[in-house]
Amino acid sequence: MMKANELAQYLMGRHKVLDFSNPSLELRREDDFELRQKILSLTQSEAKKLGIGKSSLHYLRKHARSDKPFKVYGKVRGRLVENRI
């Protein structure tokens, strides 16, 4: 999108130079190996102590078993990472 805007400004004469370099991309994964293992090893009673409900734990386990990347809601992630049982 930024490159399209730069091209439009160049064609309209607002910029004298057109930069054809590719923007650098930074890809981050939120689901590292340690977090997946923590989710899979978490029991229902431990999850309850952390304030994680049954359905949330079910879906976290489901996503942790797959090879696809997934996101963890910020509050739940904080509970999993900060609180060690």
PDB file of N, CA and C in Angstrom:
ATOM      1  N   MET A   1       0.826  -1.185   0.000  1.00  0.00           N
ATOM      2  CA  MET A   1       0.000   0.000   0.000  1.00  0.00           C
ATOM      3  C   MET A   1       0.875   1.256   0.000  1.00  0.00           C
ATOM      4  N   MET A   2       1.953   1.200   0.782  1.00  0.00           N
ATOM      5  CA  MET A   2       2.843   2.360   0.855  1.00  0.00           C
ATOM      6  C   MET A   2       3.512   2.606  -0.497  1.00  0.00           C
ATOM      7  N   LYS A   3       3.899   1.522  -1.179  1.00  0.00           N
ATOM      8  CA  LYS A   3       4.557   1.666  -2.478  1.00  0.00           C
ATOM      9  C   LYS A   3       3.601   2.238  -3.515  1.00  0.00           C
ATOM     10  N   ALA A   4       2.323   1.879  -3.448  1.00  0.00           N
ATOM     11  CA  ALA A   4       1.329   2.434  -4.364  1.00  0.00           C
ATOM     12  C   ALA A   4       1.175   3.932  -4.127  1.00  0.00           C
ATOM     13  N   ASN A   5       1.175   4.342  -2.862  1.00  0.00           N
ATOM     14  CA  ASN A   5       1.091   5.773  -2.546  1.00  0.00           C
ATOM     15  C   ASN A   5       2.330   6.525  -3.040  1.00  0.00           C
ATOM     16  N   GLU A   6       3.508   5.912  -2.872  1.00  0.00           N
ATOM     17  CA  GLU A   6       4.739   6.547  -3.353  1.00  0.00           C
ATOM     18  C   GLU A   6       4.711   6.706  -4.866  1.00  0.00           C
ATOM     19  N   LEU A   7       4.221   5.685  -5.575  1.00  0.00           N
ATOM     20  CA  LEU A   7       4.123   5.769  -7.031  1.00  0.00           C
ATOM     21  C   LEU A   7       3.150   6.863  -7.449  1.00  0.00           C
ATOM     22  N   ALA A   8       2.014   6.963  -6.786  1.00  0.00           N
ATOM     23  CA  ALA A   8       1.037   8.005  -7.096  1.00  0.00           C
ATOM     24  C   ALA A   8       1.621   9.390  -6.876  1.00  0.00           C
ATOM     25  N   GLN A   9       2.359   9.586  -5.794  1.00  0.00           N
ATOM     26  CA  GLN A   9       2.961  10.892  -5.527  1.00  0.00           C
ATOM     27  C   GLN A   9       4.038  11.221  -6.548  1.00  0.00           C
ATOM     28  N   TYR A  10       4.776  10.226  -7.021  1.00  0.00           N
ATOM     29  CA  TYR A  10       5.794  10.437  -8.045  1.00  0.00           C
ATOM     30  C   TYR A  10       5.135  10.830  -9.368  1.00  0.00           C
ATOM     31  N   LEU A  11       4.056  10.133  -9.730  1.00  0.00           N
ATOM     32  CA  LEU A  11       3.368  10.424 -10.984  1.00  0.00           C
ATOM     33  C   LEU A  11       2.696  11.791 -10.968  1.00  0.00           C
ATOM     34  N   MET A  12       2.266  12.244  -9.798  1.00  0.00           N
ATOM     35  CA  MET A  12       1.641  13.559  -9.685  1.00  0.00           C
ATOM     36  C   MET A  12       2.683  14.673  -9.562  1.00  0.00           C
ATOM     37  N   GLY A  13       3.946  14.306  -9.462  1.00  0.00           N
ATOM     38  CA  GLY A  13       5.007  15.293  -9.402  1.00  0.00           C
ATOM     39  C   GLY A  13       5.326  15.810  -8.015  1.00  0.00           C
ATOM     40  N   ARG A  14       4.803  15.203  -6.983  1.00  0.00           N
ATOM     41  CA  ARG A  14       5.073  15.653  -5.623  1.00  0.00           C
ATOM     42  C   ARG A  14       6.428  15.176  -5.125  1.00  0.00           C
ATOM     43  N   HIS A  15       6.916  14.060  -5.666  1.00  0.00           N
ATOM     44  CA  HIS A  15       8.233  13.539  -5.319  1.00  0.00           C
ATOM     45  C   HIS A  15       9.061  13.436  -6.585  1.00  0.00           C
ATOM     46  N   LYS A  16      10.348  13.724  -6.462  1.00  0.00           N
ATOM     47  CA  LYS A  16      11.245  13.688  -7.615  1.00  0.00           C
ATOM     48  C   LYS A  16      11.903  12.323  -7.806  1.00  0.00           C
ATOM     49  N   VAL A  17      11.954  11.511  -6.742  1.00  0.00           N
ATOM     50  CA  VAL A  17      12.641  10.224  -6.786  1.00  0.00           C
ATOM     51  C   VAL A  17      11.641   9.112  -6.472  1.00  0.00           C
ATOM     52  N   LEU A  18      11.782   7.994  -7.225  1.00  0.00           N
ATOM     53  CA  LEU A  18      10.932   6.837  -6.986  1.00  0.00           C
ATOM     54  C   LEU A  18      11.804   5.693  -6.486  1.00  0.00           C
ATOM     55  N   ASP A  19      11.481   5.156  -5.337  1.00  0.00           N
ATOM     56  CA  ASP A  19      12.261   4.090  -4.718  1.00  0.00           C
ATOM     57  C   ASP A  19      11.607   2.750  -5.024  1.00  0.00           C
ATOM     58  N   PHE A  20      12.335   1.851  -5.732  1.00  0.00           N
ATOM     59  CA  PHE A  20      11.796   0.549  -6.103  1.00  0.00           C
ATOM     60  C   PHE A  20      12.228  -0.568  -5.161  1.00  0.00           C
ATOM     61  N   SER A  21      12.868  -0.257  -4.076  1.00  0.00           N
ATOM     62  CA  SER A  21      13.302  -1.306  -3.149  1.00  0.00           C
ATOM     63  C   SER A  21      12.097  -1.867  -2.393  1.00  0.00           C
ATOM     64  N   ASN A  22      12.180  -3.146  -2.076  1.00  0.00           N
ATOM     65  CA  ASN A  22      11.105  -3.812  -1.336  1.00  0.00           C
ATOM     66  C   ASN A  22      11.202  -3.453   0.140  1.00  0.00           C
ATOM     67  N   PRO A  23      10.071  -3.182   0.779  1.00  0.00           N
ATOM     68  CA  PRO A  23      10.111  -2.921   2.220  1.00  0.00           C
ATOM     69  C   PRO A  23      10.439  -4.212   2.962  1.00  0.00           C
ATOM     70  N   SER A  24      11.160  -4.090   4.048  1.00  0.00           N
ATOM     71  CA  SER A  24      11.512  -5.279   4.819  1.00  0.00           C
ATOM     72  C   SER A  24      10.318  -5.720   5.656  1.00  0.00           C
ATOM     73  N   LEU A  25      10.092  -7.014   5.677  1.00  0.00           N
ATOM     74  CA  LEU A  25       8.978  -7.578   6.432  1.00  0.00           C
ATOM     75  C   LEU A  25       9.502  -8.243   7.688  1.00  0.00           C
ATOM     76  N   GLU A  26       8.780  -8.087   8.764  1.00  0.00           N
ATOM     77  CA  GLU A  26       9.139  -8.734  10.007  1.00  0.00           C
ATOM     78  C   GLU A  26       7.968  -9.613  10.424  1.00  0.00           C
ATOM     79  N   LEU A  27       8.185 -10.907  10.363  1.00  0.00           N
ATOM     80  CA  LEU A  27       7.149 -11.850  10.742  1.00  0.00           C
ATOM     81  C   LEU A  27       7.439 -12.398  12.129  1.00  0.00           C
ATOM     82  N   ARG A  28       6.455 -12.311  13.002  1.00  0.00           N
ATOM     83  CA  ARG A  28       6.619 -12.803  14.369  1.00  0.00           C
ATOM     84  C   ARG A  28       5.554 -13.846  14.641  1.00  0.00           C
ATOM     85  N   ARG A  29       5.961 -14.868  15.340  1.00  0.00           N
ATOM     86  CA  ARG A  29       5.003 -15.878  15.771  1.00  0.00           C
ATOM     87  C   ARG A  29       4.779 -15.730  17.267  1.00  0.00           C
ATOM     88  N   GLU A  30       3.544 -15.841  17.661  1.00  0.00           N
ATOM     89  CA  GLU A  30       3.196 -15.730  19.074  1.00  0.00           C
ATOM     90  C   GLU A  30       3.146 -17.091  19.756  1.00  0.00           C
ATOM     91  N   ASP A  31       3.206 -18.141  18.973  1.00  0.00           N
ATOM     92  CA  ASP A  31       3.035 -19.478  19.521  1.00  0.00           C
ATOM     93  C   ASP A  31       4.349 -20.251  19.470  1.00  0.00           C
ATOM     94  N   ASP A  32       5.240 -19.966  20.379  1.00  0.00           N
ATOM     95  CA  ASP A  32       6.519 -20.661  20.399  1.00  0.00           C
ATOM     96  C   ASP A  32       6.357 -22.065  20.986  1.00  0.00           C
ATOM     97  N   PHE A  33       7.399 -22.856  20.891  1.00  0.00           N
ATOM     98  CA  PHE A  33       7.367 -24.253  21.326  1.00  0.00           C
ATOM     99  C   PHE A  33       7.053 -24.366  22.812  1.00  0.00           C
ATOM    100  N   GLU A  34       7.645 -23.501  23.621  1.00  0.00           N
ATOM    101  CA  GLU A  34       7.432 -23.555  25.069  1.00  0.00           C
ATOM    102  C   GLU A  34       5.975 -23.294  25.439  1.00  0.00           C
ATOM    103  N   LEU A  35       5.350 -22.325  24.758  1.00  0.00           N
ATOM    104  CA  LEU A  35       3.948 -22.018  25.035  1.00  0.00           C
ATOM    105  C   LEU A  35       3.060 -23.190  24.643  1.00  0.00           C
ATOM    106  N   ARG A  36       3.342 -23.820  23.516  1.00  0.00           N
ATOM    107  CA  ARG A  36       2.571 -24.996  23.091  1.00  0.00           C
ATOM    108  C   ARG A  36       2.688 -26.115  24.123  1.00  0.00           C
ATOM    109  N   GLN A  37       3.896 -26.367  24.603  1.00  0.00           N
ATOM    110  CA  GLN A  37       4.096 -27.419  25.596  1.00  0.00           C
ATOM    111  C   GLN A  37       3.393 -27.082  26.911  1.00  0.00           C
ATOM    112  N   LYS A  38       3.424 -25.829  27.294  1.00  0.00           N
ATOM    113  CA  LYS A  38       2.745 -25.394  28.518  1.00  0.00           C
ATOM    114  C   LYS A  38       1.242 -25.637  28.404  1.00  0.00           C
ATOM    115  N   ILE A  39       0.661 -25.315  27.252  1.00  0.00           N
ATOM    116  CA  ILE A  39      -0.771 -25.510  27.038  1.00  0.00           C
ATOM    117  C   ILE A  39      -1.126 -26.993  27.070  1.00  0.00           C
ATOM    118  N   LEU A  40      -0.322 -27.810  26.391  1.00  0.00           N
ATOM    119  CA  LEU A  40      -0.618 -29.241  26.319  1.00  0.00           C
ATOM    120  C   LEU A  40      -0.443 -29.944  27.662  1.00  0.00           C
ATOM    121  N   SER A  41       0.445 -29.452  28.501  1.00  0.00           N
ATOM    122  CA  SER A  41       0.673 -30.095  29.794  1.00  0.00           C
ATOM    123  C   SER A  41      -0.234 -29.552  30.897  1.00  0.00           C
ATOM    124  N   LEU A  42      -0.982 -28.518  30.615  1.00  0.00           N
ATOM    125  CA  LEU A  42      -1.841 -27.876  31.604  1.00  0.00           C
ATOM    126  C   LEU A  42      -3.068 -28.744  31.901  1.00  0.00           C
ATOM    127  N   THR A  43      -3.312 -29.027  33.165  1.00  0.00           N
ATOM    128  CA  THR A  43      -4.493 -29.795  33.554  1.00  0.00           C
ATOM    129  C   THR A  43      -5.665 -28.843  33.771  1.00  0.00           C
ATOM    130  N   GLN A  44      -6.856 -29.419  33.853  1.00  0.00           N
ATOM    131  CA  GLN A  44      -8.053 -28.601  34.044  1.00  0.00           C
ATOM    132  C   GLN A  44      -8.012 -27.861  35.376  1.00  0.00           C
ATOM    133  N   SER A  45      -7.527 -28.517  36.416  1.00  0.00           N
ATOM    134  CA  SER A  45      -7.473 -27.862  37.733  1.00  0.00           C
ATOM    135  C   SER A  45      -6.450 -26.723  37.741  1.00  0.00           C
ATOM    136  N   GLU A  46      -5.324 -26.909  37.072  1.00  0.00           N
ATOM    137  CA  GLU A  46      -4.325 -25.835  36.980  1.00  0.00           C
ATOM    138  C   GLU A  46      -4.881 -24.662  36.184  1.00  0.00           C
ATOM    139  N   ALA A  47      -5.593 -24.966  35.102  1.00  0.00           N
ATOM    140  CA  ALA A  47      -6.198 -23.904  34.287  1.00  0.00           C
ATOM    141  C   ALA A  47      -7.228 -23.130  35.105  1.00  0.00           C
ATOM    142  N   LYS A  48      -7.987 -23.840  35.904  1.00  0.00           N
ATOM    143  CA  LYS A  48      -8.994 -23.183  36.740  1.00  0.00           C
ATOM    144  C   LYS A  48      -8.339 -22.235  37.740  1.00  0.00           C
ATOM    145  N   LYS A  49      -7.202 -22.653  38.318  1.00  0.00           N
ATOM    146  CA  LYS A  49      -6.466 -21.790  39.246  1.00  0.00           C
ATOM    147  C   LYS A  49      -5.965 -20.520  38.553  1.00  0.00           C
ATOM    148  N   LEU A  50      -5.630 -20.647  37.265  1.00  0.00           N
ATOM    149  CA  LEU A  50      -5.144 -19.497  36.504  1.00  0.00           C
ATOM    150  C   LEU A  50      -6.281 -18.637  35.972  1.00  0.00           C
ATOM    151  N   GLY A  51      -7.526 -19.109  36.103  1.00  0.00           N
ATOM    152  CA  GLY A  51      -8.669 -18.355  35.613  1.00  0.00           C
ATOM    153  C   GLY A  51      -8.960 -18.603  34.146  1.00  0.00           C
ATOM    154  N   ILE A  52      -8.569 -19.773  33.648  1.00  0.00           N
ATOM    155  CA  ILE A  52      -8.817 -20.145  32.256  1.00  0.00           C
ATOM    156  C   ILE A  52      -9.952 -21.164  32.253  1.00  0.00           C
ATOM    157  N   GLY A  53     -11.018 -20.867  31.517  1.00  0.00           N
ATOM    158  CA  GLY A  53     -12.191 -21.727  31.490  1.00  0.00           C
ATOM    159  C   GLY A  53     -11.996 -22.996  30.683  1.00  0.00           C
ATOM    160  N   LYS A  54     -12.976 -23.905  30.805  1.00  0.00           N
ATOM    161  CA  LYS A  54     -12.908 -25.189  30.112  1.00  0.00           C
ATOM    162  C   LYS A  54     -12.858 -25.021  28.599  1.00  0.00           C
ATOM    163  N   SER A  55     -13.740 -24.174  28.074  1.00  0.00           N
ATOM    164  CA  SER A  55     -13.794 -24.015  26.623  1.00  0.00           C
ATOM    165  C   SER A  55     -12.526 -23.358  26.093  1.00  0.00           C
ATOM    166  N   SER A  56     -12.002 -22.400  26.826  1.00  0.00           N
ATOM    167  CA  SER A  56     -10.745 -21.763  26.398  1.00  0.00           C
ATOM    168  C   SER A  56      -9.610 -22.769  26.382  1.00  0.00           C
ATOM    169  N   LEU A  57      -9.532 -23.594  27.413  1.00  0.00           N
ATOM    170  CA  LEU A  57      -8.494 -24.616  27.474  1.00  0.00           C
ATOM    171  C   LEU A  57      -8.658 -25.629  26.341  1.00  0.00           C
ATOM    172  N   HIS A  58      -9.897 -25.994  26.050  1.00  0.00           N
ATOM    173  CA  HIS A  58     -10.159 -26.936  24.957  1.00  0.00           C
ATOM    174  C   HIS A  58      -9.624 -26.399  23.633  1.00  0.00           C
ATOM    175  N   TYR A  59      -9.956 -25.165  23.304  1.00  0.00           N
ATOM    176  CA  TYR A  59      -9.520 -24.590  22.038  1.00  0.00           C
ATOM    177  C   TYR A  59      -8.020 -24.308  22.021  1.00  0.00           C
ATOM    178  N   LEU A  60      -7.453 -23.943  23.155  1.00  0.00           N
ATOM    179  CA  LEU A  60      -5.998 -23.760  23.222  1.00  0.00           C
ATOM    180  C   LEU A  60      -5.287 -25.077  22.939  1.00  0.00           C
ATOM    181  N   ARG A  61      -5.775 -26.155  23.524  1.00  0.00           N
ATOM    182  CA  ARG A  61      -5.173 -27.468  23.279  1.00  0.00           C
ATOM    183  C   ARG A  61      -5.337 -27.887  21.823  1.00  0.00           C
ATOM    184  N   LYS A  62      -6.511 -27.630  21.278  1.00  0.00           N
ATOM    185  CA  LYS A  62      -6.784 -27.983  19.881  1.00  0.00           C
ATOM    186  C   LYS A  62      -5.803 -27.272  18.954  1.00  0.00           C
ATOM    187  N   HIS A  63      -5.592 -25.992  19.168  1.00  0.00           N
ATOM    188  CA  HIS A  63      -4.676 -25.219  18.323  1.00  0.00           C
ATOM    189  C   HIS A  63      -3.217 -25.597  18.585  1.00  0.00           C
ATOM    190  N   ALA A  64      -2.886 -25.915  19.826  1.00  0.00           N
ATOM    191  CA  ALA A  64      -1.503 -26.267  20.167  1.00  0.00           C
ATOM    192  C   ALA A  64      -1.096 -27.592  19.533  1.00  0.00           C
ATOM    193  N   ARG A  65      -2.058 -28.496  19.327  1.00  0.00           N
ATOM    194  CA  ARG A  65      -1.753 -29.789  18.706  1.00  0.00           C
ATOM    195  C   ARG A  65      -1.481 -29.658  17.218  1.00  0.00           C
ATOM    196  N   SER A  66      -2.059 -28.662  16.569  1.00  0.00           N
ATOM    197  CA  SER A  66      -1.865 -28.500  15.127  1.00  0.00           C
ATOM    198  C   SER A  66      -0.513 -27.846  14.845  1.00  0.00           C
ATOM    199  N   ASP A  67      -0.071 -27.959  13.615  1.00  0.00           N
ATOM    200  CA  ASP A  67       1.202 -27.355  13.214  1.00  0.00           C
ATOM    201  C   ASP A  67       1.045 -25.912  12.763  1.00  0.00           C
ATOM    202  N   LYS A  68      -0.179 -25.455  12.639  1.00  0.00           N
ATOM    203  CA  LYS A  68      -0.433 -24.100  12.152  1.00  0.00           C
ATOM    204  C   LYS A  68      -0.200 -23.077  13.262  1.00  0.00           C
ATOM    205  N   PRO A  69       0.235 -21.881  12.898  1.00  0.00           N
ATOM    206  CA  PRO A  69       0.386 -20.828  13.912  1.00  0.00           C
ATOM    207  C   PRO A  69      -0.986 -20.393  14.437  1.00  0.00           C
ATOM    208  N   PHE A  70      -1.025 -19.974  15.679  1.00  0.00           N
ATOM    209  CA  PHE A  70      -2.267 -19.490  16.271  1.00  0.00           C
ATOM    210  C   PHE A  70      -1.962 -18.354  17.232  1.00  0.00           C
ATOM    211  N   LYS A  71      -2.990 -17.591  17.535  1.00  0.00           N
ATOM    212  CA  LYS A  71      -2.849 -16.476  18.461  1.00  0.00           C
ATOM    213  C   LYS A  71      -3.489 -16.840  19.791  1.00  0.00           C
ATOM    214  N   VAL A  72      -2.904 -16.311  20.836  1.00  0.00           N
ATOM    215  CA  VAL A  72      -3.439 -16.511  22.180  1.00  0.00           C
ATOM    216  C   VAL A  72      -3.845 -15.145  22.702  1.00  0.00           C
ATOM    217  N   TYR A  73      -5.071 -15.049  23.196  1.00  0.00           N
ATOM    218  CA  TYR A  73      -5.592 -13.807  23.752  1.00  0.00           C
ATOM    219  C   TYR A  73      -4.628 -13.282  24.815  1.00  0.00           C
ATOM    220  N   GLY A  74      -4.391 -11.997  24.821  1.00  0.00           N
ATOM    221  CA  GLY A  74      -3.382 -11.372  25.670  1.00  0.00           C
ATOM    222  C   GLY A  74      -3.477 -11.708  27.145  1.00  0.00           C
ATOM    223  N   LYS A  75      -4.677 -11.670  27.708  1.00  0.00           N
ATOM    224  CA  LYS A  75      -4.836 -11.961  29.132  1.00  0.00           C
ATOM    225  C   LYS A  75      -4.507 -13.420  29.433  1.00  0.00           C
ATOM    226  N   VAL A  76      -4.948 -14.313  28.556  1.00  0.00           N
ATOM    227  CA  VAL A  76      -4.671 -15.737  28.759  1.00  0.00           C
ATOM    228  C   VAL A  76      -3.188 -16.003  28.599  1.00  0.00           C
ATOM    229  N   ARG A  77      -2.566 -15.378  27.612  1.00  0.00           N
ATOM    230  CA  ARG A  77      -1.129 -15.542  27.409  1.00  0.00           C
ATOM    231  C   ARG A  77      -0.356 -15.070  28.641  1.00  0.00           C
ATOM    232  N   GLY A  78      -0.760 -13.958  29.201  1.00  0.00           N
ATOM    233  CA  GLY A  78      -0.118 -13.446  30.405  1.00  0.00           C
ATOM    234  C   GLY A  78      -0.240 -14.404  31.569  1.00  0.00           C
ATOM    235  N   ARG A  79      -1.400 -15.013  31.700  1.00  0.00           N
ATOM    236  CA  ARG A  79      -1.604 -15.979  32.784  1.00  0.00           C
ATOM    237  C   ARG A  79      -0.735 -17.224  32.589  1.00  0.00           C
ATOM    238  N   LEU A  80      -0.596 -17.649  31.333  1.00  0.00           N
ATOM    239  CA  LEU A  80       0.207 -18.844  31.056  1.00  0.00           C
ATOM    240  C   LEU A  80       1.701 -18.583  31.248  1.00  0.00           C
ATOM    241  N   VAL A  81       2.152 -17.440  30.820  1.00  0.00           N
ATOM    242  CA  VAL A  81       3.585 -17.144  30.849  1.00  0.00           C
ATOM    243  C   VAL A  81       4.060 -16.693  32.225  1.00  0.00           C
ATOM    244  N   GLU A  82       3.311 -15.801  32.855  1.00  0.00           N
ATOM    245  CA  GLU A  82       3.747 -15.214  34.125  1.00  0.00           C
ATOM    246  C   GLU A  82       3.545 -16.132  35.316  1.00  0.00           C
ATOM    247  N   ASN A  83       2.441 -16.853  35.344  1.00  0.00           N
ATOM    248  CA  ASN A  83       2.138 -17.713  36.499  1.00  0.00           C
ATOM    249  C   ASN A  83       2.649 -19.119  36.251  1.00  0.00           C
ATOM    250  N   ARG A  84       3.593 -19.511  37.034  1.00  0.00           N
ATOM    251  CA  ARG A  84       4.139 -20.883  36.950  1.00  0.00           C
ATOM    252  C   ARG A  84       3.470 -21.738  38.015  1.00  0.00           C
ATOM    253  N   ILE A  85       3.012 -22.895  37.595  1.00  0.00           N
ATOM    254  CA  ILE A  85       2.375 -23.806  38.563  1.00  0.00           C
ATOM    255  C   ILE A  85       3.322 -24.936  38.854  1.00  0.00           C
TER     256      ILE A  85
END
